[in-house]
C-alpha cells in the first residue's frame, strides 16, 4: 500500500513539473501552457515584435513609400497641398479623373488604386531606362527597378529619366530636400515585378 502511494506521489510530481504549475502561497495555481493551432503563426526568434514583418514585395514597397510620404495616413495634406497616404499632387489626380480631393482623402481604396495606376504609368514611361539602368551603379547607388519607381513617384518620371540618362549629373530635389538619389537608395531591391507597365492605367 505504501509503495503504491509513493508511486502515485512520484507520478503526480512529475506531472506537475512537466506542465509548469506554480502553486503560490494562497494556493492559487497558474498553468503556463502554449497551444498551437493551424492559425498560429510562429514568429522568428530574432524578430522585433514591434515592427510588422513584410516581404520585399509590392505590398512592402508601397507601405514603405507611404510611410516616408505621410507615415501611412490617408487623410494627410502637407504644407504644399499634396494629398493622402502617398501625397499626390492635384494634377496627377486629375490625370486619373479624380477631381474631388475631399472625397479622395476619405477613400483609402481609391488612394491605393491611384498609387498602383501611377506606378504602372511610370513603369511604362521608364521601361527603356529600367532595362538599360537596372544593375548599374550611379553616384555609388545600385540602380533597381523599385528605386526607379519610387524616385518617379517623388519627382516625376521625366526627372528620373534625365537623372539616369545623364549618369546622375542632372539631379532633382523637392521642396523638402528629398532627392532622386535618396529614393533610389532607400527603396531599392523590392520585388515590383507584379506591376505591369501600362500607359493607359486607370483608377
N, C-alpha and C. Protein backbone atom coordinates (compact mmCIF):
# COMPACT_ATOMS: atom_id res chain seq x y z
N UNK A 1 0.83 -1.20 0.00
CA UNK A 1 0.00 0.00 0.00
C UNK A 1 0.87 1.26 0.00
N UNK A 2 1.94 1.26 0.83
CA UNK A 2 2.86 2.41 0.91
C UNK A 2 3.57 2.59 -0.42
N UNK A 3 4.00 1.47 -1.04
CA UNK A 3 4.68 1.55 -2.33
C UNK A 3 3.76 2.16 -3.39
N UNK A 4 2.50 1.76 -3.36
CA UNK A 4 1.54 2.28 -4.32
C UNK A 4 1.34 3.78 -4.13
N UNK A 5 1.29 4.20 -2.84
CA UNK A 5 1.13 5.62 -2.53
C UNK A 5 2.33 6.42 -3.02
N UNK A 6 3.55 5.89 -2.77
CA UNK A 6 4.77 6.56 -3.23
C UNK A 6 4.80 6.68 -4.75
N UNK A 7 4.38 5.63 -5.42
CA UNK A 7 4.37 5.63 -6.88
C UNK A 7 3.43 6.70 -7.41
N UNK A 8 2.25 6.80 -6.78
CA UNK A 8 1.27 7.82 -7.20
C UNK A 8 1.83 9.21 -6.97
N UNK A 9 2.51 9.38 -5.83
CA UNK A 9 3.11 10.68 -5.48
C UNK A 9 4.17 11.08 -6.50
N UNK A 10 5.02 10.15 -6.87
CA UNK A 10 6.10 10.43 -7.84
C UNK A 10 5.51 10.81 -9.20
N UNK A 11 4.50 10.08 -9.63
CA UNK A 11 3.84 10.39 -10.90
C UNK A 11 3.23 11.78 -10.87
N UNK A 12 2.59 12.14 -9.75
CA UNK A 12 1.98 13.45 -9.61
C UNK A 12 3.03 14.55 -9.69
N UNK A 13 4.17 14.39 -9.00
CA UNK A 13 5.25 15.38 -9.01
C UNK A 13 5.79 15.57 -10.42
N UNK A 14 5.99 14.46 -11.12
CA UNK A 14 6.48 14.55 -12.50
C UNK A 14 5.49 15.28 -13.39
N UNK A 15 4.21 15.03 -13.18
CA UNK A 15 3.17 15.70 -13.97
C UNK A 15 3.18 17.20 -13.72
N UNK A 16 3.31 17.58 -12.45
CA UNK A 16 3.34 19.00 -12.08
C UNK A 16 4.51 19.70 -12.75
N UNK A 17 5.71 19.07 -12.70
CA UNK A 17 6.89 19.68 -13.31
C UNK A 17 6.74 19.79 -14.82
N UNK A 18 6.13 18.78 -15.41
CA UNK A 18 6.00 18.77 -16.87
C UNK A 18 5.07 19.85 -17.37
N UNK A 19 4.05 20.21 -16.60
CA UNK A 19 3.08 21.22 -17.03
C UNK A 19 3.36 22.58 -16.46
N UNK A 20 4.48 22.73 -15.75
CA UNK A 20 4.91 24.02 -15.21
C UNK A 20 3.84 24.67 -14.36
N UNK A 21 3.34 23.95 -13.37
CA UNK A 21 2.34 24.52 -12.47
C UNK A 21 3.06 25.19 -11.31
N UNK A 22 2.77 26.47 -11.09
CA UNK A 22 3.35 27.22 -9.97
C UNK A 22 2.27 27.44 -8.93
N UNK A 23 2.44 26.80 -7.76
CA UNK A 23 1.43 26.94 -6.69
C UNK A 23 1.92 27.99 -5.72
N UNK A 24 1.18 29.08 -5.62
CA UNK A 24 1.57 30.18 -4.74
C UNK A 24 1.09 29.93 -3.33
N UNK A 25 1.47 30.86 -2.43
CA UNK A 25 1.15 30.68 -1.00
C UNK A 25 -0.35 30.76 -0.74
N UNK A 26 -1.09 31.43 -1.62
CA UNK A 26 -2.53 31.49 -1.40
C UNK A 26 -3.26 30.34 -2.08
N UNK A 27 -2.47 29.33 -2.48
CA UNK A 27 -3.00 28.08 -3.02
C UNK A 27 -3.70 28.23 -4.37
N UNK A 28 -3.40 29.38 -5.10
CA UNK A 28 -3.90 29.54 -6.45
C UNK A 28 -2.85 29.01 -7.41
N UNK A 29 -3.28 28.26 -8.40
CA UNK A 29 -2.33 27.65 -9.33
C UNK A 29 -2.43 28.30 -10.70
N UNK A 30 -1.27 28.53 -11.33
CA UNK A 30 -1.22 29.06 -12.68
C UNK A 30 -0.50 28.07 -13.57
N UNK A 31 -1.13 27.66 -14.64
CA UNK A 31 -0.52 26.70 -15.55
C UNK A 31 -0.01 27.45 -16.77
N UNK A 32 1.30 27.35 -17.05
CA UNK A 32 1.91 28.01 -18.20
C UNK A 32 1.93 27.03 -19.37
N UNK A 33 1.01 27.21 -20.30
CA UNK A 33 0.95 26.32 -21.45
C UNK A 33 0.83 27.13 -22.72
N UNK A 34 1.25 26.57 -23.85
CA UNK A 34 1.13 27.21 -25.15
C UNK A 34 0.39 26.29 -26.08
N UNK A 35 -0.68 26.79 -26.66
CA UNK A 35 -1.48 25.98 -27.58
C UNK A 35 -1.20 26.43 -29.00
N UNK A 36 -0.82 25.53 -29.86
CA UNK A 36 -0.53 25.82 -31.26
C UNK A 36 -1.63 25.24 -32.12
N UNK A 37 -2.29 26.10 -32.87
CA UNK A 37 -3.36 25.65 -33.77
C UNK A 37 -2.91 25.89 -35.20
N UNK A 38 -3.77 25.55 -36.14
CA UNK A 38 -3.46 25.77 -37.55
C UNK A 38 -3.33 27.25 -37.87
N UNK A 39 -4.02 28.11 -37.09
CA UNK A 39 -3.98 29.56 -37.34
C UNK A 39 -2.77 30.24 -36.70
N UNK A 40 -2.08 29.54 -35.82
CA UNK A 40 -0.96 30.14 -35.11
C UNK A 40 0.19 30.41 -36.06
N UNK A 41 0.72 31.64 -36.01
CA UNK A 41 1.88 31.98 -36.82
C UNK A 41 3.12 31.98 -35.93
N UNK A 42 4.07 31.14 -36.26
CA UNK A 42 5.30 31.06 -35.48
C UNK A 42 6.25 32.14 -35.96
N UNK A 43 6.61 33.05 -35.07
CA UNK A 43 7.47 34.17 -35.43
C UNK A 43 8.93 33.84 -35.20
N UNK A 44 9.82 34.33 -36.07
CA UNK A 44 11.26 34.09 -35.88
C UNK A 44 11.74 34.64 -34.54
N UNK A 45 12.71 33.95 -33.95
CA UNK A 45 13.22 34.34 -32.63
C UNK A 45 13.81 35.74 -32.64
N UNK A 46 14.48 36.11 -33.74
CA UNK A 46 15.18 37.39 -33.79
C UNK A 46 14.27 38.56 -34.16
N UNK A 47 12.99 38.31 -34.36
CA UNK A 47 12.10 39.37 -34.83
C UNK A 47 11.87 40.42 -33.75
N UNK A 48 11.89 41.68 -34.18
CA UNK A 48 11.45 42.77 -33.32
C UNK A 48 9.93 42.81 -33.42
N UNK A 49 9.23 42.44 -32.37
CA UNK A 49 7.79 42.26 -32.44
C UNK A 49 7.03 43.57 -32.53
N UNK A 50 7.72 44.71 -32.39
CA UNK A 50 7.05 45.99 -32.55
C UNK A 50 6.98 46.42 -34.02
N UNK A 51 7.66 45.70 -34.89
CA UNK A 51 7.71 46.04 -36.30
C UNK A 51 7.08 44.91 -37.10
N UNK A 52 6.01 45.18 -37.85
CA UNK A 52 5.39 44.11 -38.64
C UNK A 52 6.33 43.62 -39.72
N UNK A 53 6.35 42.30 -39.93
CA UNK A 53 7.23 41.72 -40.94
C UNK A 53 6.56 41.76 -42.31
N UNK A 54 7.26 42.29 -43.27
CA UNK A 54 6.77 42.32 -44.63
C UNK A 54 7.84 41.77 -45.56
N UNK A 55 7.46 40.96 -46.51
CA UNK A 55 8.40 40.51 -47.51
C UNK A 55 8.71 41.67 -48.45
N UNK A 56 9.78 41.53 -49.22
CA UNK A 56 10.17 42.61 -50.14
C UNK A 56 9.36 42.55 -51.43
N UNK A 57 8.04 42.62 -51.31
CA UNK A 57 7.17 42.56 -52.47
C UNK A 57 6.49 43.90 -52.69
N UNK A 58 5.48 43.93 -53.58
CA UNK A 58 4.80 45.19 -53.87
C UNK A 58 4.15 45.79 -52.64
N UNK A 59 3.55 44.96 -51.81
CA UNK A 59 2.88 45.47 -50.60
C UNK A 59 3.90 46.16 -49.69
N UNK A 60 5.04 45.53 -49.49
CA UNK A 60 6.09 46.13 -48.66
C UNK A 60 6.59 47.43 -49.29
N UNK A 61 6.74 47.43 -50.60
CA UNK A 61 7.20 48.62 -51.33
C UNK A 61 6.25 49.79 -51.13
N UNK A 62 4.96 49.56 -51.37
CA UNK A 62 4.01 50.67 -51.27
C UNK A 62 3.87 51.18 -49.84
N UNK A 63 3.95 50.26 -48.87
CA UNK A 63 3.85 50.70 -47.47
C UNK A 63 5.08 51.48 -47.04
N UNK A 64 6.25 51.10 -47.57
CA UNK A 64 7.48 51.84 -47.26
C UNK A 64 7.41 53.25 -47.84
N UNK A 65 6.96 53.35 -49.08
CA UNK A 65 6.80 54.67 -49.71
C UNK A 65 5.78 55.50 -48.94
N UNK A 66 4.67 54.88 -48.57
CA UNK A 66 3.61 55.59 -47.84
C UNK A 66 4.11 56.11 -46.50
N UNK A 67 4.90 55.30 -45.81
CA UNK A 67 5.41 55.75 -44.51
C UNK A 67 6.32 56.96 -44.67
N UNK A 68 7.13 56.94 -45.72
CA UNK A 68 8.03 58.08 -45.98
C UNK A 68 7.23 59.32 -46.35
N UNK A 69 6.16 59.13 -47.11
CA UNK A 69 5.38 60.27 -47.59
C UNK A 69 4.49 60.88 -46.51
N UNK A 70 3.80 60.02 -45.75
CA UNK A 70 2.75 60.54 -44.84
C UNK A 70 2.65 59.78 -43.53
N UNK A 71 3.62 58.91 -43.25
CA UNK A 71 3.53 57.98 -42.13
C UNK A 71 2.33 57.05 -42.29
N UNK A 72 1.93 56.84 -43.53
CA UNK A 72 0.87 55.89 -43.84
C UNK A 72 -0.54 56.39 -43.53
N UNK A 73 -0.73 57.70 -43.45
CA UNK A 73 -2.04 58.25 -43.09
C UNK A 73 -2.79 58.72 -44.34
N UNK A 74 -4.01 58.27 -44.47
CA UNK A 74 -4.78 58.56 -45.68
C UNK A 74 -5.28 60.01 -45.75
N UNK A 75 -5.52 60.65 -44.62
CA UNK A 75 -6.18 61.96 -44.64
C UNK A 75 -5.22 63.14 -44.48
N UNK A 76 -3.95 62.93 -44.80
CA UNK A 76 -2.94 63.98 -44.61
C UNK A 76 -2.88 64.89 -45.84
N UNK A 77 -2.77 66.20 -45.58
CA UNK A 77 -2.46 67.19 -46.62
C UNK A 77 -1.25 67.96 -46.13
N UNK A 78 -0.17 67.99 -46.93
CA UNK A 78 1.03 68.67 -46.44
C UNK A 78 0.97 70.17 -46.74
N UNK A 79 2.01 70.89 -46.37
CA UNK A 79 2.01 72.35 -46.48
C UNK A 79 2.02 72.82 -47.93
N UNK A 80 2.36 71.93 -48.85
CA UNK A 80 2.36 72.29 -50.28
C UNK A 80 1.08 71.81 -50.99
N UNK A 81 0.18 71.20 -50.23
CA UNK A 81 -1.09 70.77 -50.79
C UNK A 81 -1.10 69.37 -51.36
N UNK A 82 -0.05 68.60 -51.11
CA UNK A 82 -0.04 67.21 -51.58
C UNK A 82 -0.91 66.35 -50.65
N UNK A 83 -1.57 65.38 -51.26
CA UNK A 83 -2.71 64.76 -50.59
C UNK A 83 -2.56 63.27 -50.33
N UNK A 84 -3.01 62.86 -49.15
CA UNK A 84 -3.23 61.45 -48.85
C UNK A 84 -2.01 60.65 -48.46
N UNK A 85 -2.23 59.37 -48.39
CA UNK A 85 -1.21 58.42 -47.92
C UNK A 85 0.05 58.48 -48.76
N UNK A 86 -0.11 58.71 -50.08
CA UNK A 86 1.03 58.72 -50.99
C UNK A 86 1.37 60.13 -51.47
N UNK A 87 0.71 61.13 -50.91
CA UNK A 87 1.00 62.53 -51.21
C UNK A 87 0.94 62.84 -52.70
N UNK A 88 -0.25 62.71 -53.25
CA UNK A 88 -0.48 63.00 -54.66
C UNK A 88 -0.65 64.50 -54.88
N UNK A 89 -0.14 64.97 -56.02
CA UNK A 89 -0.44 66.32 -56.46
C UNK A 89 -1.79 66.33 -57.16
N UNK A 90 -2.44 67.48 -57.17
CA UNK A 90 -3.77 67.58 -57.77
C UNK A 90 -3.74 67.29 -59.27
N UNK A 91 -2.68 67.73 -59.97
CA UNK A 91 -2.61 67.47 -61.41
C UNK A 91 -2.47 65.98 -61.71
N UNK A 92 -1.74 65.27 -60.85
CA UNK A 92 -1.61 63.82 -61.01
C UNK A 92 -2.97 63.15 -60.84
N UNK A 93 -3.72 63.58 -59.84
CA UNK A 93 -5.05 63.01 -59.61
C UNK A 93 -5.98 63.30 -60.78
N UNK A 94 -5.87 64.48 -61.34
CA UNK A 94 -6.72 64.83 -62.47
C UNK A 94 -6.43 63.94 -63.68
N UNK A 95 -5.19 63.50 -63.81
CA UNK A 95 -4.84 62.58 -64.89
C UNK A 95 -5.66 61.30 -64.79
N UNK A 96 -6.00 60.91 -63.55
CA UNK A 96 -6.81 59.72 -63.32
C UNK A 96 -8.29 60.07 -63.10
N UNK A 97 -8.67 61.29 -63.50
CA UNK A 97 -10.05 61.75 -63.44
C UNK A 97 -10.59 61.79 -62.00
N UNK A 98 -9.70 62.18 -61.09
CA UNK A 98 -10.09 62.37 -59.69
C UNK A 98 -10.04 63.87 -59.40
N UNK A 99 -11.20 64.46 -59.17
CA UNK A 99 -11.29 65.91 -59.02
C UNK A 99 -11.73 66.33 -57.61
N UNK A 100 -12.45 65.46 -56.94
CA UNK A 100 -12.95 65.78 -55.60
C UNK A 100 -11.91 65.34 -54.57
N UNK A 101 -11.04 66.25 -54.18
CA UNK A 101 -9.94 65.89 -53.28
C UNK A 101 -10.42 65.58 -51.87
N UNK A 102 -11.51 66.21 -51.43
CA UNK A 102 -12.04 65.91 -50.10
C UNK A 102 -12.53 64.47 -50.03
N UNK A 103 -13.23 64.05 -51.06
CA UNK A 103 -13.70 62.66 -51.11
C UNK A 103 -12.51 61.71 -51.24
N UNK A 104 -11.51 62.11 -51.99
CA UNK A 104 -10.31 61.28 -52.18
C UNK A 104 -9.62 61.01 -50.84
N UNK A 105 -9.53 62.02 -50.00
CA UNK A 105 -8.88 61.87 -48.69
C UNK A 105 -9.62 60.89 -47.79
N UNK A 106 -10.91 60.71 -48.03
CA UNK A 106 -11.72 59.82 -47.20
C UNK A 106 -11.92 58.45 -47.85
N UNK A 107 -11.17 58.18 -48.92
CA UNK A 107 -11.38 56.96 -49.68
C UNK A 107 -10.07 56.16 -49.81
N UNK A 108 -9.73 55.35 -48.82
CA UNK A 108 -8.49 54.58 -48.86
C UNK A 108 -8.38 53.68 -50.09
N UNK A 109 -9.48 53.06 -50.49
CA UNK A 109 -9.44 52.16 -51.64
C UNK A 109 -9.03 52.91 -52.91
N UNK A 110 -9.58 54.09 -53.09
CA UNK A 110 -9.24 54.88 -54.28
C UNK A 110 -7.77 55.33 -54.23
N UNK A 111 -7.27 55.64 -53.05
CA UNK A 111 -5.87 56.04 -52.92
C UNK A 111 -4.93 54.89 -53.29
N UNK A 112 -5.27 53.69 -52.86
CA UNK A 112 -4.46 52.52 -53.19
C UNK A 112 -4.46 52.26 -54.70
N UNK A 113 -5.63 52.39 -55.31
CA UNK A 113 -5.74 52.19 -56.75
C UNK A 113 -4.98 53.26 -57.52
N UNK A 114 -5.02 54.48 -57.02
CA UNK A 114 -4.31 55.57 -57.68
C UNK A 114 -2.79 55.36 -57.62
N UNK A 115 -2.31 54.88 -56.50
CA UNK A 115 -0.87 54.62 -56.39
C UNK A 115 -0.43 53.55 -57.37
N UNK A 116 -1.19 52.47 -57.43
CA UNK A 116 -0.84 51.39 -58.36
C UNK A 116 -0.91 51.87 -59.80
N UNK A 117 -1.95 52.64 -60.14
CA UNK A 117 -2.08 53.15 -61.51
C UNK A 117 -0.90 54.05 -61.87
N UNK A 118 -0.48 54.89 -60.93
CA UNK A 118 0.66 55.78 -61.20
C UNK A 118 1.94 54.97 -61.39
N UNK A 119 2.12 53.94 -60.60
CA UNK A 119 3.29 53.07 -60.76
C UNK A 119 3.30 52.42 -62.14
N UNK A 120 2.13 51.99 -62.59
CA UNK A 120 2.03 51.36 -63.91
C UNK A 120 2.39 52.34 -65.02
N UNK A 121 1.89 53.56 -64.92
CA UNK A 121 2.19 54.58 -65.93
C UNK A 121 3.68 54.92 -65.92
N UNK A 122 4.24 55.12 -64.72
CA UNK A 122 5.66 55.45 -64.62
C UNK A 122 6.53 54.31 -65.14
N UNK A 123 6.11 53.09 -64.88
CA UNK A 123 6.88 51.94 -65.37
C UNK A 123 6.86 51.90 -66.90
N UNK A 124 5.74 52.29 -67.49
CA UNK A 124 5.67 52.33 -68.95
C UNK A 124 6.57 53.45 -69.50
N UNK A 125 6.50 54.63 -68.89
CA UNK A 125 7.31 55.77 -69.35
C UNK A 125 8.81 55.45 -69.24
N UNK A 126 9.17 54.74 -68.19
CA UNK A 126 10.59 54.48 -67.89
C UNK A 126 11.03 53.08 -68.30
N UNK A 127 10.23 52.40 -69.10
CA UNK A 127 10.52 50.99 -69.41
C UNK A 127 11.90 50.81 -70.04
N UNK A 128 12.28 51.71 -70.95
CA UNK A 128 13.60 51.60 -71.60
C UNK A 128 14.73 51.90 -70.62
N UNK A 129 14.49 52.88 -69.76
CA UNK A 129 15.52 53.25 -68.78
C UNK A 129 15.68 52.17 -67.72
N UNK A 130 14.59 51.52 -67.36
CA UNK A 130 14.67 50.39 -66.42
C UNK A 130 15.52 49.28 -67.02
N UNK A 131 15.27 48.99 -68.28
CA UNK A 131 16.02 47.93 -68.95
C UNK A 131 17.50 48.27 -69.05
N UNK A 132 17.82 49.54 -69.32
CA UNK A 132 19.22 49.95 -69.51
C UNK A 132 19.96 50.15 -68.20
N UNK A 133 19.25 50.58 -67.17
CA UNK A 133 19.93 51.08 -65.98
C UNK A 133 19.98 50.13 -64.78
N UNK A 134 18.99 49.24 -64.67
CA UNK A 134 18.95 48.34 -63.52
C UNK A 134 20.22 47.49 -63.47
N UNK A 135 20.86 47.49 -62.32
CA UNK A 135 22.11 46.75 -62.14
C UNK A 135 23.34 47.63 -62.21
N UNK A 136 23.19 48.83 -62.76
CA UNK A 136 24.31 49.76 -62.82
C UNK A 136 24.47 50.46 -61.46
N UNK A 137 25.60 51.12 -61.30
CA UNK A 137 25.85 51.93 -60.10
C UNK A 137 26.06 53.37 -60.54
N UNK A 138 25.26 54.27 -59.99
CA UNK A 138 25.37 55.70 -60.30
C UNK A 138 25.57 56.47 -59.01
N UNK A 139 26.62 57.23 -58.95
CA UNK A 139 26.96 58.00 -57.74
C UNK A 139 26.97 57.12 -56.50
N UNK A 140 27.48 55.89 -56.68
CA UNK A 140 27.61 54.97 -55.55
C UNK A 140 26.34 54.24 -55.18
N UNK A 141 25.26 54.41 -55.96
CA UNK A 141 23.97 53.80 -55.66
C UNK A 141 23.65 52.75 -56.71
N UNK A 142 23.34 51.53 -56.26
CA UNK A 142 22.92 50.50 -57.19
C UNK A 142 21.50 50.80 -57.66
N UNK A 143 21.31 50.80 -58.95
CA UNK A 143 20.01 51.13 -59.52
C UNK A 143 19.14 49.88 -59.59
N UNK A 144 17.95 49.98 -59.01
CA UNK A 144 16.98 48.88 -59.04
C UNK A 144 15.66 49.40 -59.58
N UNK A 145 14.82 48.48 -60.03
CA UNK A 145 13.52 48.86 -60.58
C UNK A 145 12.65 49.55 -59.53
N UNK A 146 12.63 49.01 -58.31
CA UNK A 146 11.79 49.62 -57.27
C UNK A 146 12.29 51.01 -56.90
N UNK A 147 13.61 51.18 -56.89
CA UNK A 147 14.17 52.50 -56.61
C UNK A 147 13.76 53.51 -57.67
N UNK A 148 13.77 53.07 -58.93
CA UNK A 148 13.37 53.94 -60.03
C UNK A 148 11.90 54.35 -59.89
N UNK A 149 11.03 53.40 -59.57
CA UNK A 149 9.60 53.71 -59.44
C UNK A 149 9.34 54.63 -58.25
N UNK A 150 10.06 54.43 -57.17
CA UNK A 150 9.90 55.30 -56.00
C UNK A 150 10.38 56.72 -56.33
N UNK A 151 11.50 56.82 -57.02
CA UNK A 151 12.02 58.14 -57.41
C UNK A 151 11.06 58.84 -58.36
N UNK A 152 10.43 58.07 -59.24
CA UNK A 152 9.45 58.65 -60.17
C UNK A 152 8.24 59.17 -59.41
N UNK A 153 7.86 58.49 -58.34
CA UNK A 153 6.75 58.98 -57.52
C UNK A 153 7.12 60.30 -56.87
N UNK A 154 8.36 60.44 -56.48
CA UNK A 154 8.83 61.67 -55.84
C UNK A 154 8.90 62.83 -56.82
N UNK A 155 9.56 62.59 -57.95
CA UNK A 155 9.96 63.71 -58.80
C UNK A 155 9.27 63.75 -60.16
N UNK A 156 8.56 62.67 -60.50
CA UNK A 156 8.02 62.55 -61.84
C UNK A 156 8.96 61.73 -62.71
N UNK A 157 8.39 60.98 -63.63
CA UNK A 157 9.20 60.08 -64.46
C UNK A 157 10.20 60.84 -65.32
N UNK A 158 9.83 62.03 -65.77
CA UNK A 158 10.72 62.82 -66.62
C UNK A 158 12.03 63.17 -65.94
N UNK A 159 11.96 63.56 -64.67
CA UNK A 159 13.18 63.91 -63.94
C UNK A 159 14.05 62.69 -63.67
N UNK A 160 13.42 61.55 -63.43
CA UNK A 160 14.19 60.32 -63.24
C UNK A 160 14.89 59.94 -64.54
N UNK A 161 14.20 60.09 -65.63
CA UNK A 161 14.79 59.80 -66.95
C UNK A 161 16.03 60.67 -67.17
N UNK A 162 15.93 61.96 -66.85
CA UNK A 162 17.07 62.87 -67.01
C UNK A 162 18.24 62.44 -66.11
N UNK A 163 17.93 62.06 -64.88
CA UNK A 163 18.96 61.64 -63.94
C UNK A 163 19.70 60.41 -64.47
N UNK A 164 18.95 59.41 -64.89
CA UNK A 164 19.56 58.16 -65.35
C UNK A 164 20.35 58.36 -66.63
N UNK A 165 19.81 59.11 -67.57
CA UNK A 165 20.47 59.28 -68.87
C UNK A 165 21.67 60.20 -68.79
N UNK A 166 21.74 61.02 -67.74
CA UNK A 166 22.92 61.88 -67.54
C UNK A 166 23.93 61.22 -66.61
N UNK A 167 23.68 59.96 -66.27
CA UNK A 167 24.53 59.22 -65.33
C UNK A 167 24.65 59.93 -63.98
N UNK A 168 23.54 60.55 -63.58
CA UNK A 168 23.48 61.17 -62.26
C UNK A 168 23.93 62.61 -62.18
N UNK A 169 24.25 63.23 -63.30
CA UNK A 169 24.72 64.62 -63.25
C UNK A 169 23.56 65.62 -63.19
N UNK A 170 22.40 65.25 -63.74
CA UNK A 170 21.21 66.10 -63.64
C UNK A 170 20.38 65.58 -62.47
N UNK A 171 20.28 66.39 -61.44
CA UNK A 171 19.65 65.94 -60.19
C UNK A 171 18.36 66.69 -59.91
N UNK A 172 17.65 66.20 -58.92
CA UNK A 172 16.37 66.81 -58.53
C UNK A 172 16.20 66.69 -57.03
N UNK A 173 15.65 67.73 -56.41
CA UNK A 173 15.25 67.68 -55.00
C UNK A 173 13.91 68.38 -54.87
N UNK A 174 13.01 67.84 -54.05
CA UNK A 174 11.72 68.50 -53.87
C UNK A 174 11.85 69.64 -52.86
N UNK A 175 10.73 70.27 -52.56
CA UNK A 175 10.76 71.44 -51.67
C UNK A 175 11.22 71.12 -50.26
N UNK A 176 11.15 69.85 -49.88
CA UNK A 176 11.58 69.45 -48.54
C UNK A 176 13.00 68.87 -48.54
N UNK A 177 13.64 68.87 -49.69
CA UNK A 177 15.02 68.40 -49.77
C UNK A 177 15.19 66.93 -50.12
N UNK A 178 14.10 66.21 -50.36
CA UNK A 178 14.20 64.81 -50.76
C UNK A 178 14.71 64.74 -52.20
N UNK A 179 15.63 63.83 -52.47
CA UNK A 179 16.27 63.76 -53.77
C UNK A 179 15.98 62.44 -54.48
N UNK A 180 16.18 62.45 -55.79
CA UNK A 180 16.08 61.22 -56.56
C UNK A 180 17.04 60.19 -56.02
N UNK A 181 18.27 60.63 -55.72
CA UNK A 181 19.29 59.69 -55.21
C UNK A 181 18.84 59.03 -53.92
N UNK A 182 18.26 59.81 -53.02
CA UNK A 182 17.85 59.25 -51.72
C UNK A 182 16.75 58.21 -51.90
N UNK A 183 15.84 58.44 -52.84
CA UNK A 183 14.77 57.48 -53.09
C UNK A 183 15.29 56.24 -53.81
N UNK A 184 16.22 56.41 -54.73
CA UNK A 184 16.83 55.26 -55.40
C UNK A 184 17.48 54.33 -54.39
N UNK A 185 18.09 54.92 -53.38
CA UNK A 185 18.79 54.13 -52.36
C UNK A 185 17.82 53.55 -51.33
N UNK A 186 16.92 54.38 -50.84
CA UNK A 186 16.03 53.96 -49.74
C UNK A 186 15.06 52.87 -50.17
N UNK A 187 14.61 52.90 -51.41
CA UNK A 187 13.58 51.97 -51.86
C UNK A 187 14.11 50.96 -52.87
N UNK A 188 15.36 50.62 -52.75
CA UNK A 188 15.97 49.65 -53.66
C UNK A 188 15.61 48.22 -53.27
N UNK A 189 15.68 47.35 -54.26
CA UNK A 189 15.60 45.89 -54.05
C UNK A 189 14.26 45.37 -53.53
N UNK A 190 13.17 46.07 -53.80
CA UNK A 190 11.84 45.47 -53.61
C UNK A 190 11.46 44.77 -54.91
N UNK A 191 10.71 43.71 -54.78
CA UNK A 191 10.24 42.99 -55.97
C UNK A 191 8.94 43.63 -56.43
N UNK A 192 9.03 44.41 -57.50
CA UNK A 192 7.85 45.08 -58.03
C UNK A 192 7.50 44.53 -59.42
N UNK A 193 7.90 43.30 -59.65
CA UNK A 193 7.63 42.67 -60.95
C UNK A 193 6.13 42.49 -61.20
N UNK A 194 5.34 42.50 -60.15
CA UNK A 194 3.88 42.34 -60.30
C UNK A 194 3.24 43.58 -60.91
N UNK A 195 3.95 44.71 -60.92
CA UNK A 195 3.42 45.94 -61.53
C UNK A 195 3.65 45.86 -63.03
N UNK A 196 2.58 45.94 -63.78
CA UNK A 196 2.68 45.88 -65.23
C UNK A 196 2.81 47.29 -65.80
N UNK A 197 3.63 47.45 -66.82
CA UNK A 197 3.77 48.74 -67.49
C UNK A 197 2.51 49.00 -68.30
N UNK A 198 1.84 50.13 -68.03
CA UNK A 198 0.57 50.38 -68.71
C UNK A 198 0.39 51.89 -68.88
N UNK A 199 0.52 52.35 -70.10
CA UNK A 199 0.40 53.79 -70.39
C UNK A 199 -1.01 54.29 -70.10
N UNK A 200 -2.01 53.43 -70.20
CA UNK A 200 -3.40 53.84 -70.05
C UNK A 200 -4.02 53.37 -68.75
N UNK A 201 -3.21 53.15 -67.74
CA UNK A 201 -3.74 52.67 -66.44
C UNK A 201 -4.75 53.66 -65.89
N UNK A 202 -5.80 53.12 -65.31
CA UNK A 202 -6.86 53.96 -64.75
C UNK A 202 -7.17 53.54 -63.31
N UNK A 203 -7.90 54.38 -62.64
CA UNK A 203 -8.31 54.09 -61.26
C UNK A 203 -9.75 53.59 -61.27
